[in-house]
Protein backbone atom coordinates (compact mmCIF):
# COMPACT_ATOMS: atom_id res chain seq x y z
CA MET A 1 -4.17 -8.44 -7.74
CA HIS A 2 -6.38 -5.45 -8.09
CA LYS A 3 -6.87 -4.19 -11.98
CA GLU A 4 -5.48 -0.86 -11.31
CA ILE A 5 -2.40 -2.37 -9.54
CA ARG A 6 -1.64 -4.80 -12.73
CA TYR A 7 -2.29 -1.79 -14.96
CA PHE A 8 0.37 0.17 -12.82
CA TYR A 9 2.78 -2.33 -12.94
CA ARG A 10 2.17 -2.92 -16.51
CA LYS A 11 3.13 0.62 -17.05
CA ILE A 12 6.45 0.28 -14.68
CA ASN A 13 7.23 -2.69 -16.89
CA ILE A 14 6.62 -1.00 -20.14
CA LEU A 15 8.84 1.82 -19.16
CA GLY A 16 11.49 -0.59 -17.61
CA ASP A 17 11.76 -2.74 -20.83
CA ALA A 18 11.89 0.36 -22.88
CA LEU A 19 15.27 1.52 -20.84
CA ILE A 20 16.59 -1.65 -21.24
CA ALA A 21 15.87 -1.68 -25.00
CA ALA A 22 17.75 1.97 -24.93
CA VAL A 23 20.61 0.72 -22.98
CA ALA A 24 20.93 -2.59 -24.74
CA PHE A 25 21.15 -0.60 -27.98
CA LEU A 26 23.86 1.95 -26.74
CA ALA A 27 26.01 -0.86 -25.29
CA ALA A 28 26.11 -2.49 -28.73
CA MET A 29 27.08 0.98 -30.49
CA TYR A 30 29.93 1.43 -28.19
CA LEU A 31 30.97 -1.94 -28.27
CA LYS A 32 31.13 -1.87 -31.98
CA ALA A 33 32.96 1.53 -31.77
CA TYR A 34 35.97 0.16 -29.77
CA PHE A 35 36.28 -2.84 -31.91
CA ASP A 36 36.52 -0.51 -34.66
CA THR A 37 38.77 1.85 -33.25
CA GLY A 38 39.91 0.89 -29.55
CA PHE A 39 38.14 3.75 -28.12
CA TRP A 40 35.08 3.80 -26.27
CA ILE A 41 33.73 6.59 -27.90
CA LEU A 42 31.35 7.03 -30.85
CA PRO A 43 32.59 8.34 -34.10
CA GLU A 44 30.25 11.06 -36.08
CA HIS A 45 29.02 8.55 -38.68
CA PHE A 46 27.08 6.66 -35.86
CA LEU A 47 25.19 9.46 -35.37
CA GLN A 48 22.84 8.29 -38.33
CA TYR A 49 21.90 5.35 -36.11
CA PHE A 50 19.78 7.42 -34.02
CA TRP A 51 16.52 6.94 -35.89
CA LEU A 52 17.12 3.09 -35.39
CA PHE A 53 17.62 3.80 -31.69
CA TYR A 54 14.10 5.59 -31.41
CA VAL A 55 12.53 2.25 -33.57
CA VAL A 56 14.06 -0.46 -30.93
CA VAL A 57 13.02 1.50 -28.03
CA ALA A 58 9.39 1.57 -29.05
CA LEU A 59 9.29 -1.67 -30.80
CA TRP A 60 10.53 -4.29 -28.01
CA PRO A 61 7.97 -3.37 -25.27
CA LEU A 62 5.60 -3.35 -28.16
CA LEU A 63 6.55 -6.89 -29.12
CA LEU A 64 6.43 -8.08 -25.58
CA ASN A 65 3.03 -6.72 -24.89
CA LEU A 66 1.55 -8.58 -27.71
CA ASN A 67 3.36 -11.51 -26.81
CA GLY A 68 1.79 -11.70 -23.65
CA LEU A 69 4.52 -10.47 -21.13
CA TYR A 70 2.67 -7.94 -19.64
CA PRO A 71 0.78 -6.79 -16.93
CA THR A 72 2.15 -8.99 -14.37
CA ASN A 73 4.78 -11.38 -13.25
CA ARG A 74 2.84 -12.99 -10.63
CA LEU A 75 1.58 -16.66 -11.90
CA ARG A 76 4.36 -16.77 -14.88
CA THR A 77 7.24 -19.34 -14.54
CA ILE A 78 11.07 -18.08 -15.71
CA ARG A 79 10.87 -20.56 -18.67
CA SER A 80 7.61 -18.98 -19.65
CA ALA A 81 9.01 -15.23 -19.44
CA VAL A 82 12.22 -16.47 -21.12
CA LYS A 83 10.38 -17.98 -23.97
CA ILE A 84 8.36 -14.60 -24.47
CA ILE A 85 11.48 -12.48 -24.61
CA ILE A 86 13.40 -14.84 -27.25
CA GLN A 87 10.35 -15.11 -29.23
CA SER A 88 9.89 -11.24 -29.04
CA SER A 89 13.46 -10.74 -29.73
CA PHE A 90 13.36 -13.01 -33.11
CA GLN A 91 10.45 -11.05 -34.16
CA GLY A 92 12.28 -7.62 -33.58
CA ALA A 93 15.25 -8.86 -35.16
CA LEU A 94 13.32 -10.07 -38.55
CA ILE A 95 11.44 -6.82 -38.67
CA ILE A 96 14.48 -4.37 -38.29
CA PHE A 97 16.51 -6.78 -41.14
CA ALA A 98 13.39 -6.48 -43.12
CA ILE A 99 13.20 -2.70 -43.09
CA LEU A 100 17.03 -2.36 -43.80
CA PHE A 101 16.52 -5.13 -46.88
CA ALA A 102 13.15 -2.65 -48.18
CA LEU A 103 15.09 0.41 -47.55
CA LYS A 104 18.24 -0.76 -49.28
CA MET A 105 20.19 0.81 -45.95
CA HIS A 106 23.37 -1.29 -46.57
CA HIS A 107 25.61 1.21 -44.93
CA VAL A 108 23.74 0.25 -41.42
CA SER A 109 26.30 -2.18 -39.53
CA ARG A 110 24.63 -5.47 -39.15
CA ALA A 111 26.61 -6.18 -36.09
CA ILE A 112 25.01 -3.28 -34.26
CA ILE A 113 21.74 -5.02 -35.11
CA ALA A 114 22.79 -8.33 -33.90
CA GLY A 115 24.58 -7.07 -30.75
CA PHE A 116 21.67 -5.32 -29.55
CA VAL A 117 19.26 -8.31 -29.99
CA VAL A 118 21.62 -10.43 -27.83
CA ILE A 119 22.43 -8.04 -25.43
CA ALA A 120 18.75 -6.83 -25.07
CA THR A 121 17.57 -10.56 -24.81
CA LEU A 122 20.02 -11.48 -21.85
CA LEU A 123 19.13 -8.09 -19.96
CA LEU A 124 15.48 -8.86 -20.58
CA ILE A 125 15.90 -12.18 -19.35
CA VAL A 126 17.32 -11.36 -16.02
CA LYS A 127 15.14 -8.43 -15.16
CA GLU A 128 12.18 -11.06 -15.44
CA SER A 129 13.77 -13.88 -13.66
CA ALA A 130 14.80 -11.35 -10.77
CA VAL A 131 11.38 -10.07 -10.24
CA ILE A 132 9.73 -13.61 -10.62
CA ILE A 133 12.25 -15.04 -7.96
CA SER A 134 12.03 -11.79 -5.63
CA LEU A 135 7.99 -12.07 -5.71
CA TYR A 136 8.24 -15.92 -5.03
CA VAL A 137 10.94 -15.18 -1.91
CA THR A 138 8.79 -12.46 -0.90
CA ARG A 139 5.27 -14.36 -1.03
CA LYS A 140 6.99 -17.13 0.64
CA LYS A 141 7.96 -15.43 3.48
CA GLY A 142 4.62 -13.76 3.96
CA ALA A 143 5.63 -10.43 3.37
CA GLY A 144 2.88 -7.92 2.11
CA LEU A 145 0.44 -10.52 2.26
CA LYS A 146 -3.60 -9.16 2.59
CA ASN A 147 -5.71 -11.16 4.80
CA VAL A 148 -8.67 -12.26 3.04
CA LEU A 149 -11.95 -13.54 4.88
CA VAL A 150 -13.95 -16.03 2.35
CA VAL A 151 -17.79 -15.65 2.79
CA GLY A 152 -19.87 -18.38 1.49
CA THR A 153 -20.81 -21.81 1.71
CA LEU A 154 -18.64 -24.36 3.09
CA GLU A 155 -18.16 -25.83 -0.31
CA SER A 156 -17.63 -22.60 -2.38
CA GLY A 157 -15.03 -21.21 0.65
CA ARG A 158 -12.71 -24.26 0.76
CA GLU A 159 -12.73 -24.35 -2.83
CA ILE A 160 -11.78 -20.67 -3.41
CA ALA A 161 -9.30 -20.80 -0.19
CA LYS A 162 -7.80 -23.88 -1.81
CA LYS A 163 -7.10 -22.08 -5.03
CA ILE A 164 -5.52 -18.90 -3.16
CA GLU A 165 -3.12 -21.06 -0.89
CA ALA A 166 -2.26 -22.92 -4.35
CA HIS A 167 -0.90 -19.22 -5.68
CA PRO A 168 0.87 -17.52 -3.22
CA PHE A 169 2.48 -15.23 -5.84
CA LEU A 170 -0.93 -13.40 -5.81
CA GLY A 171 0.10 -12.19 -1.92
CA LEU A 172 -3.34 -13.33 -0.22
CA ASN A 173 -3.51 -15.26 3.04
CA VAL A 174 -6.92 -16.76 3.72
CA ALA A 175 -7.56 -15.82 7.17
CA GLY A 176 -10.50 -17.92 7.59
CA ILE A 177 -13.95 -18.70 6.21
CA LEU A 178 -17.61 -17.89 7.35
CA ILE A 179 -20.44 -20.28 6.37
CA THR A 180 -24.04 -20.29 6.47
CA GLN A 181 -26.03 -20.79 9.47
CA LYS A 182 -27.90 -23.95 8.38
CA GLU A 183 -24.03 -25.51 7.87
CA ILE A 184 -23.20 -25.01 11.62
CA GLN A 185 -26.66 -26.49 12.52
CA GLU A 186 -25.89 -29.75 10.61
CA GLY A 187 -22.52 -30.12 12.58
CA VAL A 188 -19.92 -28.24 10.88
CA LYS A 189 -17.22 -27.53 13.60
CA LEU A 190 -15.53 -24.63 13.89
CA ASP A 191 -11.68 -24.37 13.99
CA LYS A 192 -8.91 -22.43 12.61
CA GLU A 193 -10.31 -22.09 8.94
CA ILE A 194 -13.81 -22.01 9.78
CA LYS A 195 -14.25 -18.89 11.93
CA GLY A 196 -18.22 -19.31 12.18
CA ALA A 197 -21.43 -18.11 10.60
CA LEU A 198 -22.46 -15.59 8.33
CA GLU A 199 -24.08 -13.65 11.35
CA ASP A 200 -20.73 -13.72 12.99
CA ILE A 201 -19.07 -11.59 10.44
CA GLU A 202 -19.15 -8.24 12.86
CA MET A 203 -17.41 -10.08 15.60
CA VAL A 204 -14.71 -11.51 13.24
CA LEU A 205 -13.79 -8.32 11.47
CA HIS A 206 -13.62 -6.79 14.83
CA TYR A 207 -11.07 -9.34 16.44
CA ASN A 208 -9.24 -10.26 12.90
CA PRO A 209 -6.94 -7.65 10.73
CA ILE A 210 -9.02 -8.55 7.72
CA ASP A 211 -8.54 -6.37 4.66
CA ILE A 212 -10.95 -8.21 2.03
CA ALA A 213 -13.76 -10.21 2.48
CA LEU A 214 -14.55 -12.44 -0.45
CA ILE A 215 -18.09 -12.90 -0.85
CA THR A 216 -19.17 -16.05 -2.90
CA ILE A 217 -22.83 -16.82 -1.29
CA ASP A 218 -25.68 -18.47 -3.49
CA ARG A 219 -28.07 -16.15 -4.97
CA LYS A 220 -30.85 -17.06 -2.67
CA ASP A 221 -28.95 -16.07 -0.04
CA TYR A 222 -28.57 -12.34 -1.18
CA GLN A 223 -30.34 -11.19 1.81
CA GLU A 224 -27.52 -12.34 3.99
CA VAL A 225 -25.03 -11.16 1.36
CA ASP A 226 -26.49 -7.35 1.87
CA GLU A 227 -25.66 -8.09 6.00
CA VAL A 228 -22.21 -9.13 5.19
CA ILE A 229 -21.69 -5.77 2.62
CA PHE A 230 -23.25 -3.65 4.97
CA ARG A 231 -20.89 -4.82 7.94
CA CYS A 232 -17.97 -4.72 5.85
CA ILE A 233 -18.63 -1.11 4.99
CA GLU A 234 -18.50 -0.08 8.33
CA GLU A 235 -15.45 -1.82 9.35
CA GLY A 236 -13.67 -0.40 6.00
CA VAL A 237 -13.29 -3.53 4.56
CA GLU A 238 -12.64 -4.14 1.14
CA ILE A 239 -15.26 -6.17 -0.68
CA TRP A 240 -15.03 -8.53 -3.45
CA LEU A 241 -18.13 -10.51 -4.69
CA ARG A 242 -19.29 -12.78 -7.41
CA PRO A 243 -21.75 -10.85 -9.32
CA THR A 244 -25.17 -11.67 -8.00
CA PRO A 245 -28.38 -9.45 -7.45
CA PHE A 246 -28.24 -7.21 -4.70
CA THR A 247 -28.20 -3.24 -3.61
CA SER A 248 -25.63 -1.79 -1.31
CA THR A 249 -24.04 2.04 -0.69
CA ALA A 250 -20.66 1.00 -1.03
CA ILE A 251 -18.34 3.92 -1.79
CA ALA A 252 -16.62 2.97 -4.98
CA LEU A 253 -17.72 -0.38 -7.13
CA ASP A 254 -15.16 -1.99 -9.72
CA ALA A 255 -15.17 -5.12 -11.77
CA ASP A 256 -12.21 -7.68 -11.72
CA GLU A 257 -11.43 -10.96 -11.90
CA ILE A 258 -8.98 -13.14 -10.06
CA LEU A 259 -8.25 -16.77 -10.91
CA GLY A 260 -11.05 -16.92 -13.44
CA ILE A 261 -13.37 -15.83 -10.60
CA PRO A 262 -15.44 -12.65 -11.45
CA LEU A 263 -16.06 -10.23 -8.67
CA PHE A 264 -17.07 -6.87 -7.67
CA ILE A 265 -15.04 -4.88 -5.63
CA PHE A 266 -16.49 -2.37 -2.81
CA ARG A 267 -13.53 -0.07 -2.10
CA MET A 268 -14.10 2.03 0.65
CA GLY A 269 -10.69 4.24 0.42
CA PRO A 270 -8.89 5.76 -2.35
CA LYS A 271 -8.00 3.61 -5.53
CA PHE A 272 -4.92 2.63 -6.08
CA SER A 273 -3.52 5.24 -8.56
CA TRP A 274 0.05 7.18 -9.65
CA GLY A 275 -1.25 9.93 -7.28
CA LEU A 276 -1.05 7.08 -3.83
CA PHE A 277 2.12 5.80 -5.20
CA THR A 278 3.27 9.26 -5.20
CA LYS A 279 2.24 9.61 -1.48
CA THR A 280 4.23 6.87 -0.39
CA VAL A 281 7.22 7.94 -2.18
CA ILE A 282 6.62 11.20 -0.43
CA ASP A 283 6.40 9.57 2.76
CA LYS A 284 9.83 8.07 2.52
CA VAL A 285 11.67 10.35 1.52
CA GLY A 286 10.00 13.19 3.45
CA ALA A 287 10.41 10.97 6.63
CA PHE A 288 14.06 10.34 6.14
CA ILE A 289 14.95 14.21 5.35
CA LEU A 290 12.83 15.29 8.09
CA SER A 291 14.51 12.76 10.74
CA MET A 292 17.93 14.06 9.73
CA LEU A 293 17.02 18.01 9.72
CA THR A 294 15.28 17.65 13.43
CA LEU A 295 17.82 15.08 15.02
CA PRO A 296 19.23 18.40 16.96
CA VAL A 297 15.66 19.24 18.12
CA ILE A 298 15.33 15.46 19.36
CA GLY A 299 18.86 15.61 20.96
CA LEU A 300 18.35 18.77 22.96
CA SER A 301 14.46 17.53 24.11
CA ALA A 302 15.87 14.36 25.08
CA VAL A 303 18.41 15.91 27.62
CA ALA A 304 15.67 18.12 28.57
CA ILE A 305 13.33 15.21 29.39
CA LYS A 306 16.22 13.47 31.15
CA ILE A 307 17.07 16.04 33.40
CA THR A 308 13.65 17.04 34.60
CA SER A 309 12.15 13.74 35.49
CA SER A 310 13.09 10.02 35.45
CA GLY A 311 12.23 7.70 32.96
CA PRO A 312 13.33 7.33 29.22
CA ALA A 313 13.67 10.29 26.87
CA LEU A 314 11.51 8.20 24.05
CA PHE A 315 7.89 7.03 24.80
CA LYS A 316 7.05 3.88 22.83
CA GLN A 317 3.03 3.32 22.93
CA ARG A 318 0.95 0.47 20.96
CA ARG A 319 -1.08 1.98 18.42
CA CYS A 320 -3.09 0.65 15.41
CA THR A 321 -2.37 0.95 11.73
CA LEU A 322 -4.28 -0.28 8.78
CA GLN A 323 -7.54 -2.74 9.69
CA GLY A 324 -6.39 -2.82 13.51
CA ARG A 325 -2.59 -4.17 12.92
CA ILE A 326 -0.67 -3.17 15.82
CA PHE A 327 2.43 -1.10 15.87
CA ALA A 328 4.80 0.48 17.93
CA LEU A 329 4.16 4.66 17.80
CA TYR A 330 7.23 6.67 19.02
CA LYS A 331 6.81 10.23 20.84
CA LEU A 332 9.29 11.92 23.20
CA ARG A 333 7.99 11.25 26.51
CA THR A 334 5.98 14.46 27.64
CA MET A 335 4.50 12.75 30.95
CA TYR A 336 5.52 11.36 34.14
CA GLU A 337 7.03 8.00 34.14
CA GLY A 338 3.84 5.52 34.95
CA ALA A 339 1.15 8.03 33.84
CA GLU A 340 -0.38 5.34 32.16
CA LYS A 341 -1.32 3.28 35.12
CA MET A 342 -3.13 6.64 36.62
CA LEU A 343 -5.33 6.72 33.44
CA GLU A 344 -8.28 4.72 34.93
CA GLU A 345 -7.99 7.44 37.67
CA LEU A 346 -8.55 10.31 36.04
CA ARG A 347 -11.20 9.04 33.55
CA GLU A 348 -14.03 10.91 35.41
CA ASN A 349 -12.14 14.11 34.12
CA ASN A 350 -12.46 13.24 30.42
CA VAL A 351 -13.81 15.83 28.46
CA MET A 352 -13.88 14.07 25.12
CA ARG A 353 -17.30 12.27 24.41
CA GLY A 354 -16.46 8.93 23.09
CA PRO A 355 -13.61 6.25 23.35
CA VAL A 356 -10.75 8.85 23.24
CA PHE A 357 -9.55 10.38 26.52
CA LYS A 358 -8.50 14.15 26.79
CA MET A 359 -8.19 16.19 30.10
CA GLU A 360 -7.60 19.97 30.88
CA ASN A 361 -4.63 20.57 32.67
CA ASP A 362 -3.59 16.90 32.75
CA PRO A 363 -1.40 16.30 35.92
CA ARG A 364 0.70 13.55 34.29
CA ILE A 365 2.00 16.01 32.08
CA THR A 366 5.52 17.62 32.60
CA PRO A 367 6.52 21.04 32.34
CA VAL A 368 9.10 20.21 29.54
CA GLY A 369 6.43 17.95 28.42
CA ARG A 370 3.46 20.74 28.35
CA PHE A 371 6.43 22.73 25.82
CA LEU A 372 7.43 20.12 23.58
CA ARG A 373 3.08 19.25 23.09
CA LYS A 374 2.63 23.20 22.54
CA LEU A 375 5.31 22.95 19.57
CA SER A 376 4.32 19.68 18.79
CA ILE A 377 7.99 18.63 18.79
CA ASP A 378 7.03 15.55 20.86
CA GLU A 379 5.54 14.05 17.75
CA ILE A 380 8.95 14.50 15.63
CA PRO A 381 10.23 10.74 16.16
CA GLN A 382 6.81 9.41 14.44
CA PHE A 383 8.91 10.31 11.02
CA TRP A 384 10.58 7.13 11.97
CA ASN A 385 6.97 5.07 11.73
CA VAL A 386 6.31 7.02 8.58
CA PHE A 387 9.78 5.84 7.31
CA LYS A 388 8.96 2.26 8.33
CA GLY A 389 5.58 2.44 6.86
CA ASP A 390 3.45 2.04 9.71
CA MET A 391 2.39 5.72 8.70
CA SER A 392 2.15 8.33 6.50
CA LEU A 393 2.88 12.07 6.78
CA ILE A 394 -0.93 13.11 6.54
CA GLY A 395 -3.76 10.49 7.29
CA PRO A 396 -6.11 9.75 10.18
CA ARG A 397 -5.35 9.96 13.72
CA PRO A 398 -3.52 6.30 14.69
CA PRO A 399 -5.67 5.13 17.89
CA ILE A 400 -4.82 2.98 20.96
CA PRO A 401 -6.24 -0.44 20.65
CA LYS A 402 -8.50 0.28 23.71
CA GLU A 403 -9.93 3.22 21.81
CA VAL A 404 -10.91 1.02 18.93
CA GLU A 405 -12.83 -1.46 21.02
CA GLY A 406 -15.08 1.08 22.01
CA TYR A 407 -15.78 2.28 18.26
CA LYS A 408 -18.83 1.77 16.88
CA GLY A 409 -19.45 -0.02 13.70
CA TRP A 410 -18.93 3.06 11.34
CA GLN A 411 -16.20 4.39 13.07
CA ARG A 412 -13.96 1.66 12.30
CA ARG A 413 -13.88 2.77 8.53
CA ARG A 414 -11.21 5.15 10.07
CA LEU A 415 -8.85 1.90 10.17
CA SER A 416 -9.32 1.89 6.19
CA MET A 417 -6.52 3.88 5.51
CA ARG A 418 -2.84 4.45 6.77
CA PRO A 419 -2.62 6.79 9.76
CA GLY A 420 -0.96 10.07 9.60
CA ILE A 421 1.03 12.36 11.92
CA THR A 422 -1.24 15.35 10.92
CA GLY A 423 -4.58 15.27 9.44
CA LEU A 424 -7.79 16.98 8.85
CA TRP A 425 -8.43 16.72 12.61
CA GLN A 426 -5.21 18.55 13.39
CA VAL A 427 -5.81 21.52 11.19
CA SER A 428 -9.54 21.73 12.45
CA GLY A 429 -8.86 22.13 15.83
CA ARG A 430 -7.34 19.15 17.33
CA SER A 431 -7.70 19.21 21.06
CA ASP A 432 -10.43 21.63 20.70
CA ILE A 433 -12.59 18.98 19.24
CA THR A 434 -14.35 17.23 22.40
CA ASP A 435 -16.31 14.86 20.54
CA PHE A 436 -14.91 11.85 19.00
CA GLU A 437 -17.75 11.17 16.55
CA LYS A 438 -16.78 14.61 14.87
CA LEU A 439 -13.10 13.66 14.78
CA ALA A 440 -14.13 10.30 12.97
CA VAL A 441 -16.59 12.45 10.77
CA LEU A 442 -13.25 14.32 9.93
CA ASP A 443 -11.18 11.34 9.16
CA LEU A 444 -13.86 9.42 6.61
CA LYS A 445 -13.91 12.87 4.98
CA TYR A 446 -10.39 12.58 4.36
CA ILE A 447 -10.50 8.99 3.20
CA ASP A 448 -13.82 9.78 0.96
CA ASN A 449 -12.06 12.80 -0.23
CA TRP A 450 -8.28 12.36 -0.71
CA SER A 451 -6.58 13.56 -3.41
CA PRO A 452 -2.68 14.84 -3.72
CA TRP A 453 -3.99 18.56 -3.79
CA LEU A 454 -6.09 17.88 -0.39
CA ASP A 455 -2.55 16.25 1.36
CA ILE A 456 -0.73 19.51 0.04
CA LYS A 457 -3.31 21.77 1.78
CA ILE A 458 -3.38 19.87 5.03
CA PHE A 459 0.47 20.42 5.11
CA PHE A 460 0.57 23.67 4.42
CA LYS A 461 -2.21 24.23 7.04
CA THR A 462 -0.34 22.32 9.58
CA ILE A 463 2.91 24.04 9.38
CA TRP A 464 0.55 26.95 10.41
CA VAL A 465 -1.39 25.54 13.04
CA VAL A 466 2.21 24.38 14.60
CA LEU A 467 3.77 27.71 14.29
CA SER A 468 0.69 29.17 15.67
CA CYS A 469 0.51 26.83 18.78
CA GLN A 470 -3.19 26.35 17.91
CA GLY A 471 -5.09 23.47 19.57
CA ALA A 472 -2.11 22.09 20.99
CA LYS A 473 -2.41 21.34 24.75
């Protein structure tokens, strides 16, 4: 787990536990009031306890932190978590009773303190157990795993792969191992585990959805490391590297460790942050709201499509998302049925330089489809793709697999960030751009300079572009 992700979830954990402490204290006060009066109402004299409320809300997360509960639940058992929580609660109770004794605050109900400690302990145990169990179940099912390519010698590669596979909580999947050419020549056979030699790095990255290259080559092979790093940078694959003498021009460097292994990490995209987390939340919420608001438009458009041409109203196409993973992109159909089969016949009319196909006055587009494209209405079903997590509202253009096959090495880094419905390419000319390299440069510019403010800027520019029908063909 990356260092910044650990810190992010550490903050979430601290805030959550502070909230649990607050709920537990209020619950203890209301229970005391009920047993005293028979009503779930706090008497006025209970207001004098609120100084203690703020103390326990701050004290409990602090003690949990000092006893080692944070930042991660991934490698912890429920038993060890319960031990930490009980130990922290016991220490907290001692501190509070010591304060009350030292300040001679005999009016403070010991029953409230005891009730709070019990309730807080139980709630924290339930919360921590639920997190650990959900992580275990999720990872066992293989959900959300990152594919790791281990690059090194046969011995070091298998050693690291074995460690990773023994810790499913990490959320990592060993997709294969690359070894030295010397070991291949000595008779090591290729199989599902051994994908090839270091020289095969480009081919392996091309034909496998790899998220991380974990490099563990000996110091004497630093020249080969440099080549591997270069290929990973071109492909937009994150690099985890054991410290060793090397030079590289990667975008961002960070240091981290995993299972006691020190690593250098080269990031090809934005660093995990509150900004990216907010972007994900906005994507989900925004996509849901926009889907609901545009249902009448989709309905009317679907009727128009069905009346004017044969075939389904919704068009599904295979596209590429992160690191080349395939997903089904949804659009309102704007072409005649069987249009994809006509593509090769029209290939000579392509106005785009590169693997992308664009054609002036494409005969495959229906009259209704031309209208839908002009107003970008055909893109509306992609809100469902955003809600599913295949896409973002804003990001690089999602390519079809055939286009990706024709990419130059550096152009594949476009796949290192989730694709979007709109992006720099759309607000900078869209169909008016006839050189794929320019489109790729715009996407890489977006990835390298991403910020929430850039997304906001693109969002408002997109509204203007759509309303003015700029670049839509």
